[in-house]
């Protein structure tokens, strides 16, 4: 649970003043540059990708192997495909 204290009128005025300042006037010299790593991205935490129904032909033994993993075998198949996609993105 998140606990916060109410913002005072003085703090609210300061926030409004800072929000009105153009980005070009912000000093980022002490902020480290950082690009998020693909591993930092948490798919599904706030964003849920749209699922698409597809017809896919796979070898019978491959399908049997995935189905043997349990009821959510299609979710697992998606996870395996996503990991492969992300590995290829990093390799480029």
PDB file of N, CA and C in Angstrom:
ATOM      1  N   UNK A   1       0.846  -1.178   0.000  1.00  0.00           N
ATOM      2  CA  UNK A   1       0.000   0.000   0.000  1.00  0.00           C
ATOM      3  C   UNK A   1       0.891   1.241   0.000  1.00  0.00           C
ATOM      4  N   UNK A   2       0.496   2.261  -0.689  1.00  0.00           N
ATOM      5  CA  UNK A   2       1.275   3.484  -0.835  1.00  0.00           C
ATOM      6  C   UNK A   2       0.689   4.566   0.060  1.00  0.00           C
ATOM      7  N   UNK A   3       1.512   5.124   0.916  1.00  0.00           N
ATOM      8  CA  UNK A   3       1.076   6.207   1.788  1.00  0.00           C
ATOM      9  C   UNK A   3       1.774   7.493   1.363  1.00  0.00           C
ATOM     10  N   UNK A   4       1.029   8.553   1.177  1.00  0.00           N
ATOM     11  CA  UNK A   4       1.607   9.839   0.826  1.00  0.00           C
ATOM     12  C   UNK A   4       1.010  10.913   1.709  1.00  0.00           C
ATOM     13  N   UNK A   5       1.776  11.969   1.858  1.00  0.00           N
ATOM     14  CA  UNK A   5       1.247  13.112   2.616  1.00  0.00           C
ATOM     15  C   UNK A   5       0.622  14.082   1.626  1.00  0.00           C
ATOM     16  N   UNK A   6      -0.402  14.797   2.039  1.00  0.00           N
ATOM     17  CA  UNK A   6      -1.030  15.760   1.126  1.00  0.00           C
ATOM     18  C   UNK A   6      -0.047  16.846   0.699  1.00  0.00           C
ATOM     19  N   UNK A   7      -0.218  17.341  -0.516  1.00  0.00           N
ATOM     20  CA  UNK A   7       0.631  18.405  -1.038  1.00  0.00           C
ATOM     21  C   UNK A   7       0.122  19.739  -0.497  1.00  0.00           C
ATOM     22  N   UNK A   8       1.057  20.535   0.033  1.00  0.00           N
ATOM     23  CA  UNK A   8       0.670  21.832   0.584  1.00  0.00           C
ATOM     24  C   UNK A   8       0.413  22.823  -0.555  1.00  0.00           C
ATOM     25  N   UNK A   9      -0.217  23.937  -0.240  1.00  0.00           N
ATOM     26  CA  UNK A   9      -0.459  24.973  -1.249  1.00  0.00           C
ATOM     27  C   UNK A   9       0.850  25.500  -1.816  1.00  0.00           C
ATOM     28  N   UNK A  10       1.855  25.675  -0.943  1.00  0.00           N
ATOM     29  CA  UNK A  10       3.166  26.153  -1.391  1.00  0.00           C
ATOM     30  C   UNK A  10       3.803  25.155  -2.362  1.00  0.00           C
ATOM     31  N   UNK A  11       3.737  23.859  -2.034  1.00  0.00           N
ATOM     32  CA  UNK A  11       4.288  22.828  -2.914  1.00  0.00           C
ATOM     33  C   UNK A  11       3.523  22.780  -4.245  1.00  0.00           C
ATOM     34  N   UNK A  12       2.221  22.932  -4.184  1.00  0.00           N
ATOM     35  CA  UNK A  12       1.399  22.921  -5.395  1.00  0.00           C
ATOM     36  C   UNK A  12       1.791  24.080  -6.321  1.00  0.00           C
ATOM     37  N   UNK A  13       2.017  25.279  -5.734  1.00  0.00           N
ATOM     38  CA  UNK A  13       2.441  26.438  -6.534  1.00  0.00           C
ATOM     39  C   UNK A  13       3.803  26.177  -7.181  1.00  0.00           C
ATOM     40  N   UNK A  14       4.725  25.590  -6.418  1.00  0.00           N
ATOM     41  CA  UNK A  14       6.068  25.280  -6.939  1.00  0.00           C
ATOM     42  C   UNK A  14       5.975  24.267  -8.081  1.00  0.00           C
ATOM     43  N   UNK A  15       5.144  23.248  -7.933  1.00  0.00           N
ATOM     44  CA  UNK A  15       4.974  22.256  -8.998  1.00  0.00           C
ATOM     45  C   UNK A  15       4.394  22.888 -10.257  1.00  0.00           C
ATOM     46  N   UNK A  16       3.428  23.776 -10.102  1.00  0.00           N
ATOM     47  CA  UNK A  16       2.843  24.462 -11.262  1.00  0.00           C
ATOM     48  C   UNK A  16       3.887  25.336 -11.948  1.00  0.00           C
ATOM     49  N   UNK A  17       4.725  26.012 -11.150  1.00  0.00           N
ATOM     50  CA  UNK A  17       5.773  26.857 -11.709  1.00  0.00           C
ATOM     51  C   UNK A  17       6.772  26.012 -12.502  1.00  0.00           C
ATOM     52  N   UNK A  18       7.149  24.868 -11.951  1.00  0.00           N
ATOM     53  CA  UNK A  18       8.089  23.992 -12.649  1.00  0.00           C
ATOM     54  C   UNK A  18       7.463  23.385 -13.906  1.00  0.00           C
ATOM     55  N   UNK A  19       6.195  23.054 -13.845  1.00  0.00           N
ATOM     56  CA  UNK A  19       5.515  22.471 -15.006  1.00  0.00           C
ATOM     57  C   UNK A  19       5.412  23.473 -16.146  1.00  0.00           C
ATOM     58  N   UNK A  20       5.349  24.753 -15.806  1.00  0.00           N
ATOM     59  CA  UNK A  20       5.241  25.788 -16.836  1.00  0.00           C
ATOM     60  C   UNK A  20       6.580  26.072 -17.503  1.00  0.00           C
ATOM     61  N   UNK A  21       7.675  25.635 -16.888  1.00  0.00           N
ATOM     62  CA  UNK A  21       9.020  25.878 -17.429  1.00  0.00           C
ATOM     63  C   UNK A  21       9.220  25.034 -18.690  1.00  0.00           C
ATOM     64  N   UNK A  22       9.746  25.601 -19.765  1.00  0.00           N
ATOM     65  CA  UNK A  22       9.988  24.817 -20.983  1.00  0.00           C
ATOM     66  C   UNK A  22      11.084  23.770 -20.751  1.00  0.00           C
ATOM     67  N   UNK A  23      10.982  22.656 -21.450  1.00  0.00           N
ATOM     68  CA  UNK A  23      11.959  21.578 -21.300  1.00  0.00           C
ATOM     69  C   UNK A  23      13.384  22.047 -21.583  1.00  0.00           C
ATOM     70  N   UNK A  24      13.525  23.003 -22.483  1.00  0.00           N
ATOM     71  CA  UNK A  24      14.856  23.490 -22.840  1.00  0.00           C
ATOM     72  C   UNK A  24      15.559  24.174 -21.666  1.00  0.00           C
ATOM     73  N   UNK A  25      14.814  24.558 -20.650  1.00  0.00           N
ATOM     74  CA  UNK A  25      15.413  25.221 -19.476  1.00  0.00           C
ATOM     75  C   UNK A  25      15.747  24.245 -18.360  1.00  0.00           C
ATOM     76  N   UNK A  26      15.500  22.953 -18.571  1.00  0.00           N
ATOM     77  CA  UNK A  26      15.788  21.952 -17.542  1.00  0.00           C
ATOM     78  C   UNK A  26      17.241  21.522 -17.675  1.00  0.00           C
ATOM     79  N   UNK A  27      17.957  21.515 -16.561  1.00  0.00           N
ATOM     80  CA  UNK A  27      19.364  21.132 -16.535  1.00  0.00           C
ATOM     81  C   UNK A  27      19.475  19.634 -16.246  1.00  0.00           C
ATOM     82  N   UNK A  28      19.887  18.856 -17.248  1.00  0.00           N
ATOM     83  CA  UNK A  28      20.040  17.417 -17.095  1.00  0.00           C
ATOM     84  C   UNK A  28      21.505  17.023 -16.916  1.00  0.00           C
ATOM     85  N   UNK A  29      22.391  17.982 -16.667  1.00  0.00           N
ATOM     86  CA  UNK A  29      23.823  17.695 -16.635  1.00  0.00           C
ATOM     87  C   UNK A  29      24.198  16.693 -15.543  1.00  0.00           C
ATOM     88  N   UNK A  30      23.452  16.628 -14.454  1.00  0.00           N
ATOM     89  CA  UNK A  30      23.797  15.690 -13.382  1.00  0.00           C
ATOM     90  C   UNK A  30      23.002  14.393 -13.476  1.00  0.00           C
ATOM     91  N   UNK A  31      22.149  14.252 -14.482  1.00  0.00           N
ATOM     92  CA  UNK A  31      21.353  13.035 -14.659  1.00  0.00           C
ATOM     93  C   UNK A  31      22.112  12.070 -15.563  1.00  0.00           C
ATOM     94  N   UNK A  32      22.302  10.826 -15.121  1.00  0.00           N
ATOM     95  CA  UNK A  32      23.019   9.868 -15.967  1.00  0.00           C
ATOM     96  C   UNK A  32      22.168   9.459 -17.168  1.00  0.00           C
ATOM     97  N   UNK A  33      22.841   9.253 -18.315  1.00  0.00           N
ATOM     98  CA  UNK A  33      22.132   8.785 -19.497  1.00  0.00           C
ATOM     99  C   UNK A  33      21.902   7.291 -19.349  1.00  0.00           C
ATOM    100  N   UNK A  34      20.723   6.866 -19.713  1.00  0.00           N
ATOM    101  CA  UNK A  34      20.410   5.445 -19.602  1.00  0.00           C
ATOM    102  C   UNK A  34      19.331   5.085 -20.596  1.00  0.00           C
ATOM    103  N   UNK A  35      19.587   4.038 -21.349  1.00  0.00           N
ATOM    104  CA  UNK A  35      18.590   3.466 -22.243  1.00  0.00           C
ATOM    105  C   UNK A  35      18.077   2.198 -21.569  1.00  0.00           C
ATOM    106  N   UNK A  36      16.765   1.989 -21.529  1.00  0.00           N
ATOM    107  CA  UNK A  36      16.272   0.775 -20.884  1.00  0.00           C
ATOM    108  C   UNK A  36      16.692  -0.474 -21.652  1.00  0.00           C
ATOM    109  N   UNK A  37      17.146  -1.472 -20.926  1.00  0.00           N
ATOM    110  CA  UNK A  37      17.468  -2.753 -21.534  1.00  0.00           C
ATOM    111  C   UNK A  37      16.163  -3.481 -21.821  1.00  0.00           C
ATOM    112  N   UNK A  38      16.191  -4.351 -22.793  1.00  0.00           N
ATOM    113  CA  UNK A  38      14.995  -5.105 -23.119  1.00  0.00           C
ATOM    114  C   UNK A  38      14.545  -5.924 -21.913  1.00  0.00           C
ATOM    115  N   UNK A  39      15.510  -6.369 -21.090  1.00  0.00           N
ATOM    116  CA  UNK A  39      15.147  -7.160 -19.914  1.00  0.00           C
ATOM    117  C   UNK A  39      14.455  -6.299 -18.854  1.00  0.00           C
ATOM    118  N   UNK A  40      14.609  -4.962 -18.930  1.00  0.00           N
ATOM    119  CA  UNK A  40      13.936  -4.072 -17.984  1.00  0.00           C
ATOM    120  C   UNK A  40      12.454  -3.914 -18.300  1.00  0.00           C
ATOM    121  N   UNK A  41      12.091  -4.186 -19.536  1.00  0.00           N
ATOM    122  CA  UNK A  41      10.710  -4.010 -19.961  1.00  0.00           C
ATOM    123  C   UNK A  41       9.886  -5.169 -19.436  1.00  0.00           C
ATOM    124  N   UNK A  42       8.817  -4.856 -18.757  1.00  0.00           N
ATOM    125  CA  UNK A  42       7.946  -5.878 -18.201  1.00  0.00           C
ATOM    126  C   UNK A  42       6.646  -5.902 -18.988  1.00  0.00           C
ATOM    127  N   UNK A  43       6.600  -6.777 -19.957  1.00  0.00           N
ATOM    128  CA  UNK A  43       5.393  -6.893 -20.769  1.00  0.00           C
ATOM    129  C   UNK A  43       4.271  -7.427 -19.889  1.00  0.00           C
ATOM    130  N   UNK A  44       3.156  -6.776 -19.956  1.00  0.00           N
ATOM    131  CA  UNK A  44       1.997  -7.229 -19.210  1.00  0.00           C
ATOM    132  C   UNK A  44       1.811  -6.570 -17.871  1.00  0.00           C
ATOM    133  N   UNK A  45       2.791  -5.827 -17.390  1.00  0.00           N
ATOM    134  CA  UNK A  45       2.623  -5.187 -16.092  1.00  0.00           C
ATOM    135  C   UNK A  45       1.581  -4.071 -16.179  1.00  0.00           C
ATOM    136  N   UNK A  46       1.717  -3.190 -17.139  1.00  0.00           N
ATOM    137  CA  UNK A  46       0.745  -2.126 -17.351  1.00  0.00           C
ATOM    138  C   UNK A  46       0.089  -2.250 -18.722  1.00  0.00           C
ATOM    139  N   UNK A  47       0.747  -2.934 -19.629  1.00  0.00           N
ATOM    140  CA  UNK A  47       0.278  -3.043 -21.001  1.00  0.00           C
ATOM    141  C   UNK A  47      -0.009  -4.498 -21.306  1.00  0.00           C
ATOM    142  N   UNK A  48      -1.172  -4.746 -21.825  1.00  0.00           N
ATOM    143  CA  UNK A  48      -1.526  -6.101 -22.239  1.00  0.00           C
ATOM    144  C   UNK A  48      -1.615  -6.127 -23.766  1.00  0.00           C
ATOM    145  N   UNK A  49      -0.716  -6.873 -24.414  1.00  0.00           N
ATOM    146  CA  UNK A  49      -0.777  -6.934 -25.872  1.00  0.00           C
ATOM    147  C   UNK A  49      -2.115  -7.509 -26.334  1.00  0.00           C
ATOM    148  N   UNK A  50      -2.555  -7.060 -27.478  1.00  0.00           N
ATOM    149  CA  UNK A  50      -3.789  -7.567 -28.060  1.00  0.00           C
ATOM    150  C   UNK A  50      -3.507  -8.953 -28.618  1.00  0.00           C
ATOM    151  N   UNK A  51      -4.329  -9.895 -28.263  1.00  0.00           N
ATOM    152  CA  UNK A  51      -4.177 -11.265 -28.764  1.00  0.00           C
ATOM    153  C   UNK A  51      -4.907 -11.385 -30.093  1.00  0.00           C
ATOM    154  N   UNK A  52      -4.324 -12.169 -30.985  1.00  0.00           N
ATOM    155  CA  UNK A  52      -4.947 -12.424 -32.275  1.00  0.00           C
ATOM    156  C   UNK A  52      -5.133 -13.921 -32.443  1.00  0.00           C
ATOM    157  N   UNK A  53      -6.298 -14.296 -32.897  1.00  0.00           N
ATOM    158  CA  UNK A  53      -6.590 -15.689 -33.171  1.00  0.00           C
ATOM    159  C   UNK A  53      -5.975 -16.046 -34.521  1.00  0.00           C
ATOM    160  N   UNK A  54      -5.138 -17.080 -34.533  1.00  0.00           N
ATOM    161  CA  UNK A  54      -4.499 -17.506 -35.770  1.00  0.00           C
ATOM    162  C   UNK A  54      -4.647 -19.019 -35.916  1.00  0.00           C
ATOM    163  N   UNK A  55      -4.542 -19.460 -37.138  1.00  0.00           N
ATOM    164  CA  UNK A  55      -4.482 -20.881 -37.426  1.00  0.00           C
ATOM    165  C   UNK A  55      -3.031 -21.179 -37.737  1.00  0.00           C
ATOM    166  N   UNK A  56      -2.445 -22.113 -37.011  1.00  0.00           N
ATOM    167  CA  UNK A  56      -1.012 -22.363 -37.124  1.00  0.00           C
ATOM    168  C   UNK A  56      -0.783 -23.861 -37.264  1.00  0.00           C
ATOM    169  N   UNK A  57       0.000 -24.242 -38.222  1.00  0.00           N
ATOM    170  CA  UNK A  57       0.335 -25.653 -38.399  1.00  0.00           C
ATOM    171  C   UNK A  57       1.696 -25.911 -37.756  1.00  0.00           C
ATOM    172  N   UNK A  58       1.698 -26.853 -36.816  1.00  0.00           N
ATOM    173  CA  UNK A  58       2.945 -27.264 -36.167  1.00  0.00           C
ATOM    174  C   UNK A  58       3.027 -28.784 -36.237  1.00  0.00           C
ATOM    175  N   UNK A  59       4.219 -29.294 -36.114  1.00  0.00           N
ATOM    176  CA  UNK A  59       4.405 -30.744 -36.116  1.00  0.00           C
ATOM    177  C   UNK A  59       3.670 -31.360 -34.925  1.00  0.00           C
ATOM    178  N   UNK A  60       3.138 -32.539 -35.128  1.00  0.00           N
ATOM    179  CA  UNK A  60       2.341 -33.204 -34.096  1.00  0.00           C
ATOM    180  C   UNK A  60       3.138 -33.419 -32.806  1.00  0.00           C
ATOM    181  N   UNK A  61       4.408 -33.794 -32.936  1.00  0.00           N
ATOM    182  CA  UNK A  61       5.202 -34.043 -31.735  1.00  0.00           C
ATOM    183  C   UNK A  61       5.471 -32.745 -30.964  1.00  0.00           C
ATOM    184  N   UNK A  62       5.617 -31.637 -31.677  1.00  0.00           N
ATOM    185  CA  UNK A  62       5.819 -30.334 -31.030  1.00  0.00           C
ATOM    186  C   UNK A  62       4.557 -29.946 -30.259  1.00  0.00           C
ATOM    187  N   UNK A  63       3.402 -30.086 -30.902  1.00  0.00           N
ATOM    188  CA  UNK A  63       2.145 -29.778 -30.231  1.00  0.00           C
ATOM    189  C   UNK A  63       1.929 -30.678 -29.025  1.00  0.00           C
ATOM    190  N   UNK A  64       2.235 -31.951 -29.153  1.00  0.00           N
ATOM    191  CA  UNK A  64       2.096 -32.890 -28.024  1.00  0.00           C
ATOM    192  C   UNK A  64       2.980 -32.456 -26.854  1.00  0.00           C
ATOM    193  N   UNK A  65       4.206 -32.028 -27.156  1.00  0.00           N
ATOM    194  CA  UNK A  65       5.137 -31.608 -26.108  1.00  0.00           C
ATOM    195  C   UNK A  65       4.590 -30.390 -25.357  1.00  0.00           C
ATOM    196  N   UNK A  66       4.071 -29.399 -26.103  1.00  0.00           N
ATOM    197  CA  UNK A  66       3.507 -28.210 -25.457  1.00  0.00           C
ATOM    198  C   UNK A  66       2.258 -28.567 -24.655  1.00  0.00           C
ATOM    199  N   UNK A  67       1.370 -29.374 -25.216  1.00  0.00           N
ATOM    200  CA  UNK A  67       0.141 -29.755 -24.507  1.00  0.00           C
ATOM    201  C   UNK A  67       0.442 -30.528 -23.233  1.00  0.00           C
ATOM    202  N   UNK A  68       1.530 -31.278 -23.229  1.00  0.00           N
ATOM    203  CA  UNK A  68       1.909 -32.054 -22.037  1.00  0.00           C
ATOM    204  C   UNK A  68       2.293 -31.149 -20.869  1.00  0.00           C
ATOM    205  N   UNK A  69       2.539 -29.892 -21.134  1.00  0.00           N
ATOM    206  CA  UNK A  69       2.916 -28.947 -20.074  1.00  0.00           C
ATOM    207  C   UNK A  69       1.713 -28.493 -19.259  1.00  0.00           C
ATOM    208  N   UNK A  70       0.499 -28.746 -19.734  1.00  0.00           N
ATOM    209  CA  UNK A  70      -0.675 -28.400 -18.935  1.00  0.00           C
ATOM    210  C   UNK A  70      -1.669 -27.531 -19.679  1.00  0.00           C
ATOM    211  N   UNK A  71      -2.669 -27.058 -18.923  1.00  0.00           N
ATOM    212  CA  UNK A  71      -3.795 -26.328 -19.502  1.00  0.00           C
ATOM    213  C   UNK A  71      -3.392 -25.053 -20.228  1.00  0.00           C
ATOM    214  N   UNK A  72      -2.368 -24.375 -19.769  1.00  0.00           N
ATOM    215  CA  UNK A  72      -1.996 -23.090 -20.377  1.00  0.00           C
ATOM    216  C   UNK A  72      -0.859 -23.254 -21.385  1.00  0.00           C
ATOM    217  N   UNK A  73      -0.933 -24.329 -22.156  1.00  0.00           N
ATOM    218  CA  UNK A  73       0.153 -24.593 -23.100  1.00  0.00           C
ATOM    219  C   UNK A  73       0.240 -23.511 -24.182  1.00  0.00           C
ATOM    220  N   UNK A  74      -0.880 -22.895 -24.552  1.00  0.00           N
ATOM    221  CA  UNK A  74      -0.828 -21.851 -25.572  1.00  0.00           C
ATOM    222  C   UNK A  74      -0.115 -20.608 -25.042  1.00  0.00           C
ATOM    223  N   UNK A  75      -0.331 -20.295 -23.774  1.00  0.00           N
ATOM    224  CA  UNK A  75       0.383 -19.178 -23.140  1.00  0.00           C
ATOM    225  C   UNK A  75       1.878 -19.459 -23.130  1.00  0.00           C
ATOM    226  N   UNK A  76       2.242 -20.707 -22.812  1.00  0.00           N
ATOM    227  CA  UNK A  76       3.651 -21.075 -22.806  1.00  0.00           C
ATOM    228  C   UNK A  76       4.241 -20.976 -24.212  1.00  0.00           C
ATOM    229  N   UNK A  77       3.488 -21.400 -25.229  1.00  0.00           N
ATOM    230  CA  UNK A  77       3.964 -21.287 -26.610  1.00  0.00           C
ATOM    231  C   UNK A  77       4.241 -19.823 -26.944  1.00  0.00           C
ATOM    232  N   UNK A  78       3.348 -18.934 -26.508  1.00  0.00           N
ATOM    233  CA  UNK A  78       3.532 -17.502 -26.751  1.00  0.00           C
ATOM    234  C   UNK A  78       4.792 -16.993 -26.057  1.00  0.00           C
ATOM    235  N   UNK A  79       5.031 -17.446 -24.823  1.00  0.00           N
ATOM    236  CA  UNK A  79       6.227 -17.026 -24.088  1.00  0.00           C
ATOM    237  C   UNK A  79       7.498 -17.478 -24.799  1.00  0.00           C
ATOM    238  N   UNK A  80       7.494 -18.710 -25.311  1.00  0.00           N
ATOM    239  CA  UNK A  80       8.663 -19.236 -26.030  1.00  0.00           C
ATOM    240  C   UNK A  80       8.909 -18.402 -27.292  1.00  0.00           C
ATOM    241  N   UNK A  81       7.846 -18.104 -28.019  1.00  0.00           N
ATOM    242  CA  UNK A  81       7.987 -17.287 -29.228  1.00  0.00           C
ATOM    243  C   UNK A  81       8.474 -15.873 -28.891  1.00  0.00           C
ATOM    244  N   UNK A  82       7.980 -15.302 -27.798  1.00  0.00           N
ATOM    245  CA  UNK A  82       8.403 -13.960 -27.387  1.00  0.00           C
ATOM    246  C   UNK A  82       9.891 -13.947 -27.027  1.00  0.00           C
ATOM    247  N   UNK A  83      10.352 -14.960 -26.292  1.00  0.00           N
ATOM    248  CA  UNK A  83      11.773 -15.027 -25.934  1.00  0.00           C
ATOM    249  C   UNK A  83      12.640 -15.109 -27.187  1.00  0.00           C
ATOM    250  N   UNK A  84      12.210 -15.887 -28.158  1.00  0.00           N
ATOM    251  CA  UNK A  84      12.961 -15.998 -29.411  1.00  0.00           C
ATOM    252  C   UNK A  84      12.981 -14.660 -30.142  1.00  0.00           C
ATOM    253  N   UNK A  85      11.832 -13.987 -30.171  1.00  0.00           N
ATOM    254  CA  UNK A  85      11.739 -12.671 -30.815  1.00  0.00           C
ATOM    255  C   UNK A  85      12.700 -11.692 -30.143  1.00  0.00           C
ATOM    256  N   UNK A  86      12.689 -11.651 -28.807  1.00  0.00           N
ATOM    257  CA  UNK A  86      13.548 -10.719 -28.070  1.00  0.00           C
ATOM    258  C   UNK A  86      15.021 -11.066 -28.245  1.00  0.00           C
ATOM    259  N   UNK A  87      15.362 -12.341 -28.299  1.00  0.00           N
ATOM    260  CA  UNK A  87      16.751 -12.745 -28.507  1.00  0.00           C
ATOM    261  C   UNK A  87      17.234 -12.282 -29.875  1.00  0.00           C
ATOM    262  N   UNK A  88      16.370 -12.359 -30.877  1.00  0.00           N
ATOM    263  CA  UNK A  88      16.750 -11.897 -32.218  1.00  0.00           C
ATOM    264  C   UNK A  88      16.873 -10.399 -32.281  1.00  0.00           C
ATOM    265  N   UNK A  89      16.054  -9.667 -31.524  1.00  0.00           N
ATOM    266  CA  UNK A  89      16.152  -8.203 -31.488  1.00  0.00           C
ATOM    267  C   UNK A  89      17.462  -7.765 -30.872  1.00  0.00           C
ATOM    268  N   UNK A  90      17.899  -8.463 -29.823  1.00  0.00           N
ATOM    269  CA  UNK A  90      19.173  -8.112 -29.164  1.00  0.00           C
ATOM    270  C   UNK A  90      20.354  -8.431 -30.052  1.00  0.00           C
ATOM    271  N   UNK A  91      20.236  -9.476 -30.866  1.00  0.00           N
ATOM    272  CA  UNK A  91      21.345  -9.907 -31.714  1.00  0.00           C
ATOM    273  C   UNK A  91      21.575  -9.038 -32.933  1.00  0.00           C
ATOM    274  N   UNK A  92      20.639  -8.171 -33.247  1.00  0.00           N
ATOM    275  CA  UNK A  92      20.781  -7.358 -34.452  1.00  0.00           C
ATOM    276  C   UNK A  92      21.617  -6.137 -34.222  1.00  0.00           C
TER     277      UNK A  92
END
